[in-house]
Protein backbone atom coordinates (compact mmCIF):
# COMPACT_ATOMS: atom_id res chain seq x y z
CA LEU A 1 28.16 147.53 102.75
CA GLN A 2 29.49 145.80 99.66
CA ASP A 3 31.19 149.02 98.58
CA ILE A 4 33.09 149.45 101.85
CA PRO A 5 36.58 147.91 101.90
CA ILE A 6 37.27 145.68 104.90
CA ALA A 7 40.82 145.30 106.20
CA VAL A 8 41.46 142.77 108.97
CA LEU A 9 44.14 143.50 111.58
CA THR A 10 45.07 140.35 113.47
CA THR A 11 47.85 138.72 115.45
CA SER A 12 47.52 135.56 113.36
CA ARG A 13 49.80 134.75 110.46
CA GLU A 14 48.11 131.43 109.70
CA LYS A 15 47.07 130.80 106.10
CA ASP A 16 43.77 129.27 107.29
CA ASP A 17 42.88 132.49 109.11
CA PHE A 18 43.66 134.50 105.98
CA ILE A 19 41.35 132.24 103.97
CA LYS A 20 38.58 132.55 106.58
CA CYS A 21 38.84 136.34 106.48
CA ARG A 22 38.56 136.37 102.69
CA GLU A 23 35.59 134.00 102.82
CA ALA A 24 33.94 136.31 105.38
CA GLY A 25 34.26 139.23 102.96
CA ALA A 26 37.53 140.91 103.93
CA ASN A 27 39.43 142.65 101.14
CA SER A 28 42.78 142.94 102.93
CA PHE A 29 44.59 141.23 105.76
CA ILE A 30 47.50 142.50 107.86
CA SER A 31 49.21 140.84 110.83
CA LYS A 32 50.43 142.57 113.97
CA PRO A 33 52.94 143.81 114.61
CA ALA A 34 52.78 145.66 111.32
CA SER A 35 55.47 148.08 110.26
CA PHE A 36 54.67 151.57 109.03
CA SER A 37 55.61 150.55 105.48
CA GLU A 38 53.15 147.62 105.66
CA TRP A 39 50.39 150.06 106.68
CA ILE A 40 51.25 152.36 103.78
CA LYS A 41 51.20 149.43 101.36
CA LEU A 42 47.78 148.36 102.67
CA MET A 43 46.34 151.88 102.42
CA ARG A 44 47.66 152.33 98.88
CA SER A 45 46.20 148.99 97.87
CA LEU A 46 42.80 149.94 99.26
CA ALA A 47 42.95 153.38 97.66
CA ASP A 48 43.94 151.98 94.26
CA THR A 49 41.10 149.48 94.37
CA TRP A 50 38.32 151.40 96.08
CA LEU A 51 38.80 155.13 95.53
CA VAL A 52 38.02 156.92 92.31
CA THR A 53 40.79 159.40 91.57
CA GLU A 54 39.80 160.38 88.02
CA TYR A 55 36.56 161.69 86.57
């Protein structure tokens, strides 16, 4: 499971909750309501970090 990116979707915008998510192993954190552009930014970030696009 270490190779699987974890993105947390939450209603919280508290810094402590962000820290707890990171400590629990989350790679990304996004608060609801999230705009479409925020989703795109999150997906690009995960793709850039976790997906191999070159051989």
